[in-house]
Amino acid sequence: MAQVFRIERQRTNLQGEKEEREVAFGITSLSPKKATPGQLLAFNRNHWSIENKVHYVRDVTFDEDRSRVRKKAGPQVMASLRNLTISMLRMAGANNIAKSLRACSWNRDLALRCLGIVVL
């Protein structure tokens, strides 16, 4: 343990009502020379980019929480396929995964181009 830090968060809803406050504490092995307070805050904020870019998409777009695949390696295989799909669409330039999935379902050539297959 090289540093202990405290982050205070304040949230309000979109109407500007109902303010919530939260205090979070963290521990890191990074020395103050290797991680300034600003860098620690950036590390903490970047953690949420994973949640927002992958887990949220899997939960909402793929409705993963209601999946009926539960036996043996099935759940892990399906999660890997979903992650692969999200990654390939992002590499193809997609910002909205749900919209891109719909477009690929309607247009076979577009789906193949996302896979790097050129249809003549």
Protein backbone atom coordinates (compact mmCIF):
# COMPACT_ATOMS: atom_id res chain seq x y z
CA MET A 1 0.00 0.00 0.00
CA ALA A 2 1.52 3.28 -1.10
CA GLN A 3 -1.50 5.59 -1.07
CA VAL A 4 -4.99 5.81 0.32
CA PHE A 5 -7.47 8.14 -1.37
CA ARG A 6 -10.98 9.44 -0.88
CA ILE A 7 -13.40 10.37 -3.66
CA GLU A 8 -16.56 12.34 -2.95
CA ARG A 9 -19.38 12.06 -5.48
CA GLN A 10 -22.50 14.19 -5.82
CA ARG A 11 -25.35 13.21 -8.13
CA THR A 12 -28.66 14.81 -9.06
CA ASN A 13 -31.36 13.51 -11.36
CA LEU A 14 -31.98 15.12 -14.75
CA GLN A 15 -34.56 17.48 -13.27
CA GLY A 16 -31.98 18.82 -10.80
CA GLU A 17 -33.76 17.29 -7.84
CA LYS A 18 -32.86 14.61 -5.31
CA GLU A 19 -29.18 15.16 -4.71
CA GLU A 20 -27.23 12.10 -3.58
CA ARG A 21 -23.82 12.13 -1.95
CA GLU A 22 -21.38 9.27 -1.70
CA VAL A 23 -17.87 8.85 -0.37
CA ALA A 24 -15.59 6.13 -1.72
CA PHE A 25 -12.17 5.14 -0.41
CA GLY A 26 -9.41 3.45 -2.35
CA ILE A 27 -6.02 1.91 -1.81
CA THR A 28 -3.25 1.71 -4.39
CA SER A 29 0.26 0.37 -4.58
CA LEU A 30 1.26 3.29 -6.83
CA SER A 31 3.46 5.85 -5.12
CA PRO A 32 2.53 9.55 -5.19
CA LYS A 33 5.27 10.06 -7.80
CA LYS A 34 3.73 7.43 -10.08
CA ALA A 35 0.12 8.48 -9.56
CA THR A 36 -0.88 12.04 -8.71
CA PRO A 37 -4.34 12.78 -7.30
CA GLY A 38 -5.49 13.76 -10.79
CA GLN A 39 -4.24 10.49 -12.24
CA LEU A 40 -5.96 8.47 -9.49
CA LEU A 41 -9.21 10.25 -10.31
CA ALA A 42 -8.71 9.51 -14.01
CA PHE A 43 -8.09 5.82 -13.23
CA ASN A 44 -11.31 5.73 -11.23
CA ARG A 45 -13.33 7.42 -13.98
CA ASN A 46 -11.89 5.15 -16.67
CA HIS A 47 -13.15 2.15 -14.73
CA TRP A 48 -16.69 3.26 -15.56
CA SER A 49 -15.94 3.43 -19.29
CA ILE A 50 -15.66 -0.38 -19.24
CA GLU A 51 -19.02 -0.66 -17.50
CA ASN A 52 -20.65 1.74 -19.94
CA LYS A 53 -19.07 0.39 -23.13
CA VAL A 54 -19.27 -3.36 -22.52
CA HIS A 55 -21.39 -4.47 -19.61
CA TYR A 56 -24.22 -2.01 -20.27
CA VAL A 57 -24.36 -3.02 -23.94
CA ARG A 58 -24.39 -6.71 -23.00
CA ASP A 59 -27.13 -6.13 -20.42
CA VAL A 60 -29.37 -3.88 -22.49
CA THR A 61 -28.74 -4.61 -26.18
CA PHE A 62 -28.24 -8.36 -25.84
CA ASP A 63 -30.57 -8.71 -22.80
CA GLU A 64 -27.93 -10.95 -21.28
CA ASP A 65 -29.51 -11.06 -17.82
CA ARG A 66 -32.50 -12.97 -19.21
CA SER A 67 -30.42 -15.49 -21.15
CA ARG A 68 -31.57 -19.09 -20.72
CA VAL A 69 -28.13 -20.51 -21.50
CA ARG A 70 -26.97 -21.84 -18.12
CA LYS A 71 -25.27 -25.22 -18.47
CA LYS A 72 -21.59 -26.15 -18.75
CA ALA A 73 -19.52 -23.67 -20.78
CA GLY A 74 -22.55 -22.19 -22.54
CA PRO A 75 -22.74 -18.91 -20.58
CA GLN A 76 -19.02 -18.24 -21.03
CA VAL A 77 -19.18 -19.05 -24.74
CA MET A 78 -22.18 -16.75 -25.24
CA ALA A 79 -20.50 -13.92 -23.29
CA SER A 80 -17.39 -14.34 -25.46
CA LEU A 81 -19.48 -14.22 -28.64
CA ARG A 82 -21.27 -11.08 -27.43
CA ASN A 83 -17.93 -9.44 -26.56
CA LEU A 84 -16.54 -10.42 -29.97
CA THR A 85 -19.57 -8.91 -31.70
CA ILE A 86 -19.29 -5.65 -29.74
CA SER A 87 -15.55 -5.43 -30.43
CA MET A 88 -15.93 -6.08 -34.15
CA LEU A 89 -18.67 -3.49 -34.50
CA ARG A 90 -16.61 -0.93 -32.58
CA MET A 91 -13.57 -1.69 -34.79
CA ALA A 92 -15.82 -1.13 -37.81
CA GLY A 93 -16.63 2.34 -36.43
CA ALA A 94 -19.99 1.71 -34.75
CA ASN A 95 -20.94 4.10 -31.98
CA ASN A 96 -24.42 2.71 -31.41
CA ILE A 97 -24.20 -1.08 -31.10
CA ALA A 98 -27.98 -1.69 -31.14
CA LYS A 99 -28.41 0.37 -34.32
CA SER A 100 -25.44 -1.36 -35.96
CA LEU A 101 -26.78 -4.81 -35.07
CA ARG A 102 -30.12 -3.94 -36.67
CA ALA A 103 -28.36 -2.63 -39.77
CA CYS A 104 -26.30 -5.84 -40.04
CA SER A 105 -29.40 -7.99 -39.60
CA TRP A 106 -31.06 -6.20 -42.52
CA ASN A 107 -28.01 -6.08 -44.78
CA ARG A 108 -25.94 -9.25 -45.19
CA ASP A 109 -23.22 -7.44 -47.18
CA LEU A 110 -22.75 -4.91 -44.38
CA ALA A 111 -22.42 -7.72 -41.83
CA LEU A 112 -19.81 -9.45 -43.98
CA ARG A 113 -17.88 -6.17 -44.42
CA CYS A 114 -17.77 -5.85 -40.61
CA LEU A 115 -16.10 -9.26 -40.60
CA GLY A 116 -13.60 -8.09 -43.20
CA ILE A 117 -15.17 -10.14 -45.99
CA VAL A 118 -15.67 -8.22 -49.23
CA VAL A 119 -18.61 -9.37 -51.34
CA LEU A 120 -18.21 -8.84 -55.08
